[in-house]
Amino acid sequence: EPGTPEATLQTYVDAVWSGDSTLALSLLTEKARKDHEENYSGSPFLNCGSEAGSMLIVERVTRSADDTQATVIVRVESFGGSGISWDRSSWTRDVALVREAGEWRIADAYLCL
């Protein structure tokens, strides 16, 4: 649903996986953008793209009582391999978001899922 923390995260992940660093950076908080520019300039999301077979699943969303902060818990599942050998991996990550100027923004300067 547009305007939710989950929608912001999905847009961010789509942007990173497709190589649209301009859009991805626009979805970070002001502080995270500054941190990113200071520490990760040059190749903003190097080695951060999706591999074929990766999937992002939102497991849970929590919001603060005043609706200014949210945590989205996601599970990333990857499937890959070749020939007769196939691998599957799965891991979870908590993603912090903050409401800035009425919009949800990601508070992590280098979120790579």
PDB file of N, CA and C in Angstrom:
ATOM      1  N   GLU A   1       0.853  -1.182   0.000  1.00  0.00           N
ATOM      2  CA  GLU A   1       0.000   0.000   0.000  1.00  0.00           C
ATOM      3  C   GLU A   1       0.899   1.246   0.000  1.00  0.00           C
ATOM      4  N   PRO A   2       0.691   2.168  -0.917  1.00  0.00           N
ATOM      5  CA  PRO A   2       1.507   3.387  -0.978  1.00  0.00           C
ATOM      6  C   PRO A   2       1.458   4.168   0.339  1.00  0.00           C
ATOM      7  N   GLY A   3       2.567   4.808   0.666  1.00  0.00           N
ATOM      8  CA  GLY A   3       2.619   5.625   1.869  1.00  0.00           C
ATOM      9  C   GLY A   3       2.908   4.857   3.143  1.00  0.00           C
ATOM     10  N   THR A   4       3.243   3.582   3.023  1.00  0.00           N
ATOM     11  CA  THR A   4       3.545   2.764   4.196  1.00  0.00           C
ATOM     12  C   THR A   4       5.051   2.505   4.265  1.00  0.00           C
ATOM     13  N   PRO A   5       5.551   2.129   5.436  1.00  0.00           N
ATOM     14  CA  PRO A   5       6.968   1.771   5.528  1.00  0.00           C
ATOM     15  C   PRO A   5       7.326   0.626   4.564  1.00  0.00           C
ATOM     16  N   GLU A   6       6.434  -0.341   4.432  1.00  0.00           N
ATOM     17  CA  GLU A   6       6.692  -1.476   3.544  1.00  0.00           C
ATOM     18  C   GLU A   6       6.838  -1.022   2.093  1.00  0.00           C
ATOM     19  N   ALA A   7       5.989  -0.092   1.675  1.00  0.00           N
ATOM     20  CA  ALA A   7       6.051   0.410   0.293  1.00  0.00           C
ATOM     21  C   ALA A   7       7.360   1.157   0.049  1.00  0.00           C
ATOM     22  N   THR A   8       7.790   1.951   1.024  1.00  0.00           N
ATOM     23  CA  THR A   8       9.062   2.657   0.889  1.00  0.00           C
ATOM     24  C   THR A   8      10.206   1.664   0.760  1.00  0.00           C
ATOM     25  N   LEU A   9      10.206   0.641   1.595  1.00  0.00           N
ATOM     26  CA  LEU A   9      11.258  -0.369   1.541  1.00  0.00           C
ATOM     27  C   LEU A   9      11.244  -1.097   0.202  1.00  0.00           C
ATOM     28  N   GLN A  10      10.071  -1.463  -0.289  1.00  0.00           N
ATOM     29  CA  GLN A  10       9.984  -2.174  -1.568  1.00  0.00           C
ATOM     30  C   GLN A  10      10.500  -1.307  -2.710  1.00  0.00           C
ATOM     31  N   THR A  11      10.139  -0.029  -2.700  1.00  0.00           N
ATOM     32  CA  THR A  11      10.616   0.883  -3.735  1.00  0.00           C
ATOM     33  C   THR A  11      12.132   1.009  -3.676  1.00  0.00           C
ATOM     34  N   TYR A  12      12.667   1.103  -2.465  1.00  0.00           N
ATOM     35  CA  TYR A  12      14.116   1.191  -2.270  1.00  0.00           C
ATOM     36  C   TYR A  12      14.818  -0.063  -2.818  1.00  0.00           C
ATOM     37  N   VAL A  13      14.324  -1.224  -2.424  1.00  0.00           N
ATOM     38  CA  VAL A  13      14.941  -2.480  -2.866  1.00  0.00           C
ATOM     39  C   VAL A  13      14.873  -2.602  -4.385  1.00  0.00           C
ATOM     40  N   ASP A  14      13.731  -2.283  -4.975  1.00  0.00           N
ATOM     41  CA  ASP A  14      13.605  -2.320  -6.433  1.00  0.00           C
ATOM     42  C   ASP A  14      14.625  -1.383  -7.079  1.00  0.00           C
ATOM     43  N   ALA A  15      14.803  -0.185  -6.494  1.00  0.00           N
ATOM     44  CA  ALA A  15      15.746   0.786  -7.047  1.00  0.00           C
ATOM     45  C   ALA A  15      17.187   0.272  -6.949  1.00  0.00           C
ATOM     46  N   VAL A  16      17.553  -0.267  -5.794  1.00  0.00           N
ATOM     47  CA  VAL A  16      18.910  -0.788  -5.615  1.00  0.00           C
ATOM     48  C   VAL A  16      19.154  -1.961  -6.555  1.00  0.00           C
ATOM     49  N   TRP A  17      18.226  -2.900  -6.601  1.00  0.00           N
ATOM     50  CA  TRP A  17      18.405  -4.093  -7.429  1.00  0.00           C
ATOM     51  C   TRP A  17      18.442  -3.755  -8.917  1.00  0.00           C
ATOM     52  N   SER A  18      17.794  -2.664  -9.322  1.00  0.00           N
ATOM     53  CA  SER A  18      17.800  -2.287 -10.744  1.00  0.00           C
ATOM     54  C   SER A  18      18.901  -1.272 -11.072  1.00  0.00           C
ATOM     55  N   GLY A  19      19.655  -0.847 -10.051  1.00  0.00           N
ATOM     56  CA  GLY A  19      20.765   0.074 -10.275  1.00  0.00           C
ATOM     57  C   GLY A  19      20.388   1.549 -10.292  1.00  0.00           C
ATOM     58  N   ASP A  20      19.196   1.890  -9.810  1.00  0.00           N
ATOM     59  CA  ASP A  20      18.749   3.293  -9.772  1.00  0.00           C
ATOM     60  C   ASP A  20      19.170   3.930  -8.449  1.00  0.00           C
ATOM     61  N   SER A  21      20.450   4.290  -8.362  1.00  0.00           N
ATOM     62  CA  SER A  21      20.969   4.831  -7.099  1.00  0.00           C
ATOM     63  C   SER A  21      20.351   6.181  -6.753  1.00  0.00           C
ATOM     64  N   THR A  22      19.944   6.955  -7.745  1.00  0.00           N
ATOM     65  CA  THR A  22      19.320   8.255  -7.470  1.00  0.00           C
ATOM     66  C   THR A  22      18.025   8.065  -6.694  1.00  0.00           C
ATOM     67  N   LEU A  23      17.187   7.155  -7.152  1.00  0.00           N
ATOM     68  CA  LEU A  23      15.938   6.883  -6.439  1.00  0.00           C
ATOM     69  C   LEU A  23      16.222   6.282  -5.066  1.00  0.00           C
ATOM     70  N   ALA A  24      17.133   5.325  -5.008  1.00  0.00           N
ATOM     71  CA  ALA A  24      17.450   4.686  -3.724  1.00  0.00           C
ATOM     72  C   ALA A  24      17.915   5.709  -2.697  1.00  0.00           C
ATOM     73  N   LEU A  25      18.820   6.600  -3.099  1.00  0.00           N
ATOM     74  CA  LEU A  25      19.324   7.614  -2.172  1.00  0.00           C
ATOM     75  C   LEU A  25      18.228   8.577  -1.734  1.00  0.00           C
ATOM     76  N   SER A  26      17.262   8.841  -2.606  1.00  0.00           N
ATOM     77  CA  SER A  26      16.173   9.759  -2.252  1.00  0.00           C
ATOM     78  C   SER A  26      15.255   9.174  -1.190  1.00  0.00           C
ATOM     79  N   LEU A  27      15.332   7.869  -0.974  1.00  0.00           N
ATOM     80  CA  LEU A  27      14.476   7.205   0.010  1.00  0.00           C
ATOM     81  C   LEU A  27      15.154   7.047   1.369  1.00  0.00           C
ATOM     82  N   LEU A  28      16.373   7.587   1.499  1.00  0.00           N
ATOM     83  CA  LEU A  28      17.070   7.581   2.784  1.00  0.00           C
ATOM     84  C   LEU A  28      16.742   8.844   3.560  1.00  0.00           C
ATOM     85  N   THR A  29      16.865   8.770   4.881  1.00  0.00           N
ATOM     86  CA  THR A  29      16.713   9.976   5.694  1.00  0.00           C
ATOM     87  C   THR A  29      17.842  10.940   5.329  1.00  0.00           C
ATOM     88  N   GLU A  30      17.671  12.198   5.695  1.00  0.00           N
ATOM     89  CA  GLU A  30      18.703  13.191   5.419  1.00  0.00           C
ATOM     90  C   GLU A  30      20.025  12.783   6.059  1.00  0.00           C
ATOM     91  N   LYS A  31      19.982  12.320   7.304  1.00  0.00           N
ATOM     92  CA  LYS A  31      21.198  11.896   8.001  1.00  0.00           C
ATOM     93  C   LYS A  31      21.830  10.699   7.300  1.00  0.00           C
ATOM     94  N   ALA A  32      21.025   9.721   6.909  1.00  0.00           N
ATOM     95  CA  ALA A  32      21.558   8.536   6.232  1.00  0.00           C
ATOM     96  C   ALA A  32      22.175   8.903   4.883  1.00  0.00           C
ATOM     97  N   ARG A  33      21.545   9.836   4.161  1.00  0.00           N
ATOM     98  CA  ARG A  33      22.099  10.291   2.873  1.00  0.00           C
ATOM     99  C   ARG A  33      23.473  10.929   3.074  1.00  0.00           C
ATOM    100  N   LYS A  34      23.578  11.780   4.101  1.00  0.00           N
ATOM    101  CA  LYS A  34      24.865  12.428   4.387  1.00  0.00           C
ATOM    102  C   LYS A  34      25.914  11.387   4.756  1.00  0.00           C
ATOM    103  N   ASP A  35      25.540  10.438   5.613  1.00  0.00           N
ATOM    104  CA  ASP A  35      26.462   9.362   5.992  1.00  0.00           C
ATOM    105  C   ASP A  35      26.882   8.562   4.763  1.00  0.00           C
ATOM    106  N   HIS A  36      25.938   8.288   3.893  1.00  0.00           N
ATOM    107  CA  HIS A  36      26.219   7.524   2.678  1.00  0.00           C
ATOM    108  C   HIS A  36      27.201   8.277   1.781  1.00  0.00           C
ATOM    109  N   GLU A  37      26.952   9.559   1.585  1.00  0.00           N
ATOM    110  CA  GLU A  37      27.828  10.369   0.732  1.00  0.00           C
ATOM    111  C   GLU A  37      29.242  10.447   1.297  1.00  0.00           C
ATOM    112  N   GLU A  38      29.365  10.504   2.628  1.00  0.00           N
ATOM    113  CA  GLU A  38      30.683  10.594   3.259  1.00  0.00           C
ATOM    114  C   GLU A  38      31.437   9.269   3.224  1.00  0.00           C
ATOM    115  N   ASN A  39      30.726   8.162   3.336  1.00  0.00           N
ATOM    116  CA  ASN A  39      31.371   6.864   3.502  1.00  0.00           C
ATOM    117  C   ASN A  39      31.292   5.929   2.297  1.00  0.00           C
ATOM    118  N   TYR A  40      30.343   6.154   1.398  1.00  0.00           N
ATOM    119  CA  TYR A  40      30.147   5.208   0.294  1.00  0.00           C
ATOM    120  C   TYR A  40      30.080   5.897  -1.058  1.00  0.00           C
ATOM    121  N   SER A  41      30.705   7.048  -1.205  1.00  0.00           N
ATOM    122  CA  SER A  41      30.646   7.762  -2.478  1.00  0.00           C
ATOM    123  C   SER A  41      31.403   6.982  -3.547  1.00  0.00           C
ATOM    124  N   GLY A  42      31.144   7.317  -4.772  1.00  0.00           N
ATOM    125  CA  GLY A  42      31.789   6.628  -5.884  1.00  0.00           C
ATOM    126  C   GLY A  42      30.864   5.601  -6.494  1.00  0.00           C
ATOM    127  N   SER A  43      30.727   4.465  -5.855  1.00  0.00           N
ATOM    128  CA  SER A  43      29.825   3.408  -6.303  1.00  0.00           C
ATOM    129  C   SER A  43      28.790   3.185  -5.207  1.00  0.00           C
ATOM    130  N   PRO A  44      27.704   3.946  -5.236  1.00  0.00           N
ATOM    131  CA  PRO A  44      26.772   3.957  -4.112  1.00  0.00           C
ATOM    132  C   PRO A  44      26.288   2.601  -3.622  1.00  0.00           C
ATOM    133  N   PHE A  45      25.986   1.673  -4.518  1.00  0.00           N
ATOM    134  CA  PHE A  45      25.449   0.383  -4.078  1.00  0.00           C
ATOM    135  C   PHE A  45      26.183  -0.761  -4.753  1.00  0.00           C
ATOM    136  N   LEU A  46      27.518  -0.669  -4.761  1.00  0.00           N
ATOM    137  CA  LEU A  46      28.354  -1.683  -5.373  1.00  0.00           C
ATOM    138  C   LEU A  46      28.096  -3.040  -4.715  1.00  0.00           C
ATOM    139  N   ASN A  47      27.952  -4.056  -5.514  1.00  0.00           N
ATOM    140  CA  ASN A  47      27.718  -5.436  -5.044  1.00  0.00           C
ATOM    141  C   ASN A  47      26.460  -5.560  -4.197  1.00  0.00           C
ATOM    142  N   CYS A  48      25.460  -4.794  -4.525  1.00  0.00           N
ATOM    143  CA  CYS A  48      24.246  -4.795  -3.723  1.00  0.00           C
ATOM    144  C   CYS A  48      23.023  -5.194  -4.540  1.00  0.00           C
ATOM    145  N   GLY A  49      23.226  -5.656  -5.745  1.00  0.00           N
ATOM    146  CA  GLY A  49      22.099  -6.023  -6.589  1.00  0.00           C
ATOM    147  C   GLY A  49      21.579  -7.407  -6.268  1.00  0.00           C
ATOM    148  N   SER A  50      20.384  -7.662  -6.727  1.00  0.00           N
ATOM    149  CA  SER A  50      19.761  -8.965  -6.530  1.00  0.00           C
ATOM    150  C   SER A  50      20.338  -9.983  -7.490  1.00  0.00           C
ATOM    151  N   GLU A  51      20.447 -11.180  -7.023  1.00  0.00           N
ATOM    152  CA  GLU A  51      20.757 -12.282  -7.915  1.00  0.00           C
ATOM    153  C   GLU A  51      19.437 -12.882  -8.369  1.00  0.00           C
ATOM    154  N   ALA A  52      19.440 -13.482  -9.538  1.00  0.00           N
ATOM    155  CA  ALA A  52      18.228 -14.164  -9.984  1.00  0.00           C
ATOM    156  C   ALA A  52      17.867 -15.188  -8.915  1.00  0.00           C
ATOM    157  N   GLY A  53      16.636 -15.240  -8.563  1.00  0.00           N
ATOM    158  CA  GLY A  53      16.198 -16.190  -7.549  1.00  0.00           C
ATOM    159  C   GLY A  53      16.117 -15.613  -6.152  1.00  0.00           C
ATOM    160  N   SER A  54      16.408 -14.328  -5.971  1.00  0.00           N
ATOM    161  CA  SER A  54      16.281 -13.715  -4.650  1.00  0.00           C
ATOM    162  C   SER A  54      14.861 -13.202  -4.455  1.00  0.00           C
ATOM    163  N   MET A  55      14.399 -13.284  -3.221  1.00  0.00           N
ATOM    164  CA  MET A  55      13.052 -12.855  -2.908  1.00  0.00           C
ATOM    165  C   MET A  55      13.058 -12.177  -1.536  1.00  0.00           C
ATOM    166  N   LEU A  56      12.324 -11.082  -1.419  1.00  0.00           N
ATOM    167  CA  LEU A  56      12.206 -10.329  -0.176  1.00  0.00           C
ATOM    168  C   LEU A  56      10.794 -10.507   0.364  1.00  0.00           C
ATOM    169  N   ILE A  57      10.683 -10.909   1.621  1.00  0.00           N
ATOM    170  CA  ILE A  57       9.381 -11.157   2.235  1.00  0.00           C
ATOM    171  C   ILE A  57       9.271 -10.313   3.501  1.00  0.00           C
ATOM    172  N   VAL A  58       8.231  -9.486   3.577  1.00  0.00           N
ATOM    173  CA  VAL A  58       7.983  -8.701   4.791  1.00  0.00           C
ATOM    174  C   VAL A  58       7.335  -9.628   5.813  1.00  0.00           C
ATOM    175  N   GLU A  59       7.990  -9.781   6.947  1.00  0.00           N
ATOM    176  CA  GLU A  59       7.463 -10.660   7.992  1.00  0.00           C
ATOM    177  C   GLU A  59       6.618  -9.909   9.009  1.00  0.00           C
ATOM    178  N   ARG A  60       7.069  -8.684   9.354  1.00  0.00           N
ATOM    179  CA  ARG A  60       6.326  -7.941  10.380  1.00  0.00           C
ATOM    180  C   ARG A  60       6.702  -6.474  10.309  1.00  0.00           C
ATOM    181  N   VAL A  61       5.759  -5.622  10.668  1.00  0.00           N
ATOM    182  CA  VAL A  61       5.995  -4.178  10.729  1.00  0.00           C
ATOM    183  C   VAL A  61       5.515  -3.684  12.083  1.00  0.00           C
ATOM    184  N   THR A  62       6.357  -2.917  12.750  1.00  0.00           N
ATOM    185  CA  THR A  62       5.935  -2.268  13.988  1.00  0.00           C
ATOM    186  C   THR A  62       6.140  -0.769  13.822  1.00  0.00           C
ATOM    187  N   ARG A  63       5.235  -0.009  14.427  1.00  0.00           N
ATOM    188  CA  ARG A  63       5.326   1.460  14.374  1.00  0.00           C
ATOM    189  C   ARG A  63       5.295   2.004  15.786  1.00  0.00           C
ATOM    190  N   SER A  64       5.973   3.136  15.971  1.00  0.00           N
ATOM    191  CA  SER A  64       5.947   3.798  17.274  1.00  0.00           C
ATOM    192  C   SER A  64       4.549   4.352  17.522  1.00  0.00           C
ATOM    193  N   ALA A  65       4.245   4.617  18.783  1.00  0.00           N
ATOM    194  CA  ALA A  65       2.916   5.122  19.149  1.00  0.00           C
ATOM    195  C   ALA A  65       2.594   6.440  18.449  1.00  0.00           C
ATOM    196  N   ASP A  66       3.611   7.271  18.238  1.00  0.00           N
ATOM    197  CA  ASP A  66       3.369   8.565  17.575  1.00  0.00           C
ATOM    198  C   ASP A  66       3.515   8.479  16.046  1.00  0.00           C
ATOM    199  N   ASP A  67       3.727   7.265  15.527  1.00  0.00           N
ATOM    200  CA  ASP A  67       3.796   6.986  14.094  1.00  0.00           C
ATOM    201  C   ASP A  67       4.894   7.769  13.383  1.00  0.00           C
ATOM    202  N   THR A  68       6.040   7.961  14.075  1.00  0.00           N
ATOM    203  CA  THR A  68       7.178   8.653  13.454  1.00  0.00           C
ATOM    204  C   THR A  68       8.340   7.708  13.165  1.00  0.00           C
ATOM    205  N   GLN A  69       8.263   6.501  13.704  1.00  0.00           N
ATOM    206  CA  GLN A  69       9.305   5.505  13.482  1.00  0.00           C
ATOM    207  C   GLN A  69       8.655   4.160  13.210  1.00  0.00           C
ATOM    208  N   ALA A  70       9.329   3.362  12.404  1.00  0.00           N
ATOM    209  CA  ALA A  70       8.818   2.023  12.109  1.00  0.00           C
ATOM    210  C   ALA A  70       9.994   1.077  11.934  1.00  0.00           C
ATOM    211  N   THR A  71       9.738  -0.186  12.184  1.00  0.00           N
ATOM    212  CA  THR A  71      10.706  -1.233  11.911  1.00  0.00           C
ATOM    213  C   THR A  71      10.018  -2.267  11.029  1.00  0.00           C
ATOM    214  N   VAL A  72      10.636  -2.561   9.905  1.00  0.00           N
ATOM    215  CA  VAL A  72      10.136  -3.593   9.007  1.00  0.00           C
ATOM    216  C   VAL A  72      11.098  -4.772   9.111  1.00  0.00           C
ATOM    217  N   ILE A  73      10.571  -5.905   9.490  1.00  0.00           N
ATOM    218  CA  ILE A  73      11.387  -7.114   9.585  1.00  0.00           C
ATOM    219  C   ILE A  73      11.168  -7.891   8.293  1.00  0.00           C
ATOM    220  N   VAL A  74      12.271  -8.082   7.562  1.00  0.00           N
ATOM    221  CA  VAL A  74      12.184  -8.763   6.277  1.00  0.00           C
ATOM    222  C   VAL A  74      13.012 -10.040   6.294  1.00  0.00           C
ATOM    223  N   ARG A  75      12.571 -10.979   5.481  1.00  0.00           N
ATOM    224  CA  ARG A  75      13.333 -12.204   5.256  1.00  0.00           C
ATOM    225  C   ARG A  75      13.760 -12.200   3.792  1.00  0.00           C
ATOM    226  N   VAL A  76      15.028 -12.431   3.569  1.00  0.00           N
ATOM    227  CA  VAL A  76      15.562 -12.522   2.222  1.00  0.00           C
ATOM    228  C   VAL A  76      15.861 -13.990   1.952  1.00  0.00           C
ATOM    229  N   GLU A  77      15.323 -14.495   0.862  1.00  0.00           N
ATOM    230  CA  GLU A  77      15.583 -15.871   0.466  1.00  0.00           C
ATOM    231  C   GLU A  77      16.261 -15.862  -0.893  1.00  0.00           C
ATOM    232  N   SER A  78      17.314 -16.638  -0.994  1.00  0.00           N
ATOM    233  CA  SER A  78      18.054 -16.737  -2.250  1.00  0.00           C
ATOM    234  C   SER A  78      18.147 -18.189  -2.668  1.00  0.00           C
ATOM    235  N   PHE A  79      17.969 -18.417  -3.937  1.00  0.00           N
ATOM    236  CA  PHE A  79      18.083 -19.749  -4.518  1.00  0.00           C
ATOM    237  C   PHE A  79      19.077 -19.649  -5.663  1.00  0.00           C
ATOM    238  N   GLY A  80      19.993 -20.551  -5.722  1.00  0.00           N
ATOM    239  CA  GLY A  80      20.948 -20.483  -6.816  1.00  0.00           C
ATOM    240  C   GLY A  80      21.743 -21.759  -6.943  1.00  0.00           C
ATOM    241  N   GLY A  81      22.544 -21.803  -7.958  1.00  0.00           N
ATOM    242  CA  GLY A  81      23.390 -22.959  -8.211  1.00  0.00           C
ATOM    243  C   GLY A  81      23.444 -23.262  -9.682  1.00  0.00           C
ATOM    244  N   SER A  82      24.030 -24.393  -9.989  1.00  0.00           N
ATOM    245  CA  SER A  82      24.104 -24.815 -11.383  1.00  0.00           C
ATOM    246  C   SER A  82      24.228 -26.323 -11.435  1.00  0.00           C
ATOM    247  N   GLY A  83      23.866 -26.861 -12.553  1.00  0.00           N
ATOM    248  CA  GLY A  83      23.978 -28.306 -12.723  1.00  0.00           C
ATOM    249  C   GLY A  83      23.141 -29.056 -11.704  1.00  0.00           C
ATOM    250  N   ILE A  84      23.779 -29.926 -10.949  1.00  0.00           N
ATOM    251  CA  ILE A  84      23.046 -30.717  -9.963  1.00  0.00           C
ATOM    252  C   ILE A  84      23.145 -30.159  -8.551  1.00  0.00           C
ATOM    253  N   SER A  85      23.865 -29.077  -8.389  1.00  0.00           N
ATOM    254  CA  SER A  85      24.053 -28.488  -7.068  1.00  0.00           C
ATOM    255  C   SER A  85      23.249 -27.191  -6.938  1.00  0.00           C
ATOM    256  N   TRP A  86      22.293 -27.172  -6.032  1.00  0.00           N
ATOM    257  CA  TRP A  86      21.471 -25.986  -5.792  1.00  0.00           C
ATOM    258  C   TRP A  86      21.568 -25.606  -4.327  1.00  0.00           C
ATOM    259  N   ASP A  87      21.635 -24.322  -4.064  1.00  0.00           N
ATOM    260  CA  ASP A  87      21.735 -23.811  -2.699  1.00  0.00           C
ATOM    261  C   ASP A  87      20.545 -22.925  -2.398  1.00  0.00           C
ATOM    262  N   ARG A  88      20.149 -22.936  -1.141  1.00  0.00           N
ATOM    263  CA  ARG A  88      19.094 -22.036  -0.675  1.00  0.00           C
ATOM    264  C   ARG A  88      19.585 -21.417   0.620  1.00  0.00           C
ATOM    265  N   SER A  89      19.451 -20.104   0.704  1.00  0.00           N
ATOM    266  CA  SER A  89      19.804 -19.432   1.951  1.00  0.00           C
ATOM    267  C   SER A  89      18.683 -18.469   2.322  1.00  0.00           C
ATOM    268  N   SER A  90      18.555 -18.252   3.605  1.00  0.00           N
ATOM    269  CA  SER A  90      17.506 -17.377   4.107  1.00  0.00           C
ATOM    270  C   SER A  90      18.031 -16.655   5.330  1.00  0.00           C
ATOM    271  N   TRP A  91      17.766 -15.351   5.408  1.00  0.00           N
ATOM    272  CA  TRP A  91      18.173 -14.579   6.570  1.00  0.00           C
ATOM    273  C   TRP A  91      17.197 -13.433   6.782  1.00  0.00           C
ATOM    274  N   THR A  92      17.165 -12.924   8.004  1.00  0.00           N
ATOM    275  CA  THR A  92      16.248 -11.824   8.324  1.00  0.00           C
ATOM    276  C   THR A  92      17.043 -10.575   8.672  1.00  0.00           C
ATOM    277  N   ARG A  93      16.362  -9.458   8.513  1.00  0.00           N
ATOM    278  CA  ARG A  93      16.979  -8.162   8.795  1.00  0.00           C
ATOM    279  C   ARG A  93      15.906  -7.201   9.284  1.00  0.00           C
ATOM    280  N   ASP A  94      16.211  -6.452  10.333  1.00  0.00           N
ATOM    281  CA  ASP A  94      15.338  -5.375  10.790  1.00  0.00           C
ATOM    282  C   ASP A  94      15.742  -4.104  10.061  1.00  0.00           C
ATOM    283  N   VAL A  95      14.766  -3.420   9.468  1.00  0.00           N
ATOM    284  CA  VAL A  95      15.030  -2.187   8.735  1.00  0.00           C
ATOM    285  C   VAL A  95      14.309  -1.048   9.446  1.00  0.00           C
ATOM    286  N   ALA A  96      15.071  -0.061   9.894  1.00  0.00           N
ATOM    287  CA  ALA A  96      14.500   1.093  10.603  1.00  0.00           C
ATOM    288  C   ALA A  96      14.116   2.176   9.599  1.00  0.00           C
ATOM    289  N   LEU A  97      12.905   2.710   9.774  1.00  0.00           N
ATOM    290  CA  LEU A  97      12.436   3.823   8.957  1.00  0.00           C
ATOM    291  C   LEU A  97      11.974   4.949   9.865  1.00  0.00           C
ATOM    292  N   VAL A  98      12.096   6.172   9.369  1.00  0.00           N
ATOM    293  CA  VAL A  98      11.704   7.365  10.112  1.00  0.00           C
ATOM    294  C   VAL A  98      10.833   8.212   9.199  1.00  0.00           C
ATOM    295  N   ARG A  99       9.839   8.845   9.776  1.00  0.00           N
ATOM    296  CA  ARG A  99       8.990   9.736   8.985  1.00  0.00           C
ATOM    297  C   ARG A  99       9.649  11.115   8.934  1.00  0.00           C
ATOM    298  N   GLU A 100       9.956  11.569   7.715  1.00  0.00           N
ATOM    299  CA  GLU A 100      10.541  12.893   7.497  1.00  0.00           C
ATOM    300  C   GLU A 100       9.654  13.636   6.509  1.00  0.00           C
ATOM    301  N   ALA A 101       9.235  14.834   6.887  1.00  0.00           N
ATOM    302  CA  ALA A 101       8.375  15.656   6.019  1.00  0.00           C
ATOM    303  C   ALA A 101       7.174  14.856   5.515  1.00  0.00           C
ATOM    304  N   GLY A 102       6.630  14.014   6.387  1.00  0.00           N
ATOM    305  CA  GLY A 102       5.431  13.255   6.055  1.00  0.00           C
ATOM    306  C   GLY A 102       5.655  11.991   5.249  1.00  0.00           C
ATOM    307  N   GLU A 103       6.906  11.695   4.904  1.00  0.00           N
ATOM    308  CA  GLU A 103       7.223  10.513   4.093  1.00  0.00           C
ATOM    309  C   GLU A 103       8.101   9.555   4.884  1.00  0.00           C
ATOM    310  N   TRP A 104       7.912   8.256   4.665  1.00  0.00           N
ATOM    311  CA  TRP A 104       8.768   7.265   5.307  1.00  0.00           C
ATOM    312  C   TRP A 104      10.105   7.218   4.584  1.00  0.00           C
ATOM    313  N   ARG A 105      11.201   7.248   5.366  1.00  0.00           N
ATOM    314  CA  ARG A 105      12.557   7.204   4.832  1.00  0.00           C
ATOM    315  C   ARG A 105      13.359   6.153   5.600  1.00  0.00           C
ATOM    316  N   ILE A 106      14.289   5.521   4.915  1.00  0.00           N
ATOM    317  CA  ILE A 106      15.131   4.484   5.508  1.00  0.00           C
ATOM    318  C   ILE A 106      16.277   5.144   6.258  1.00  0.00           C
ATOM    319  N   ALA A 107      16.521   4.672   7.494  1.00  0.00           N
ATOM    320  CA  ALA A 107      17.495   5.313   8.382  1.00  0.00           C
ATOM    321  C   ALA A 107      18.888   4.697   8.291  1.00  0.00           C
ATOM    322  N   ASP A 108      19.102   3.744   7.409  1.00  0.00           N
ATOM    323  CA  ASP A 108      20.371   3.065   7.255  1.00  0.00           C
ATOM    324  C   ASP A 108      21.107   3.623   6.050  1.00  0.00           C
ATOM    325  N   ALA A 109      22.344   4.079   6.231  1.00  0.00           N
ATOM    326  CA  ALA A 109      23.093   4.702   5.143  1.00  0.00           C
ATOM    327  C   ALA A 109      23.475   3.719   4.039  1.00  0.00           C
ATOM    328  N   TYR A 110      23.571   2.437   4.356  1.00  0.00           N
ATOM    329  CA  TYR A 110      23.964   1.447   3.343  1.00  0.00           C
ATOM    330  C   TYR A 110      23.199   0.160   3.583  1.00  0.00           C
ATOM    331  N   LEU A 111      21.941   0.168   3.230  1.00  0.00           N
ATOM    332  CA  LEU A 111      21.108  -1.020   3.384  1.00  0.00           C
ATOM    333  C   LEU A 111      21.204  -1.846   2.124  1.00  0.00           C
ATOM    334  N   CYS A 112      21.741  -3.024   2.269  1.00  0.00           N
ATOM    335  CA  CYS A 112      21.942  -3.926   1.131  1.00  0.00           C
ATOM    336  C   CYS A 112      21.244  -5.248   1.436  1.00  0.00           C
ATOM    337  N   LEU A 113      20.170  -5.515   0.742  1.00  0.00           N
ATOM    338  CA  LEU A 113      19.415  -6.751   0.974  1.00  0.00           C
ATOM    339  C   LEU A 113      19.586  -7.695  -0.197  1.00  0.00           C
TER     340      LEU A 113
END
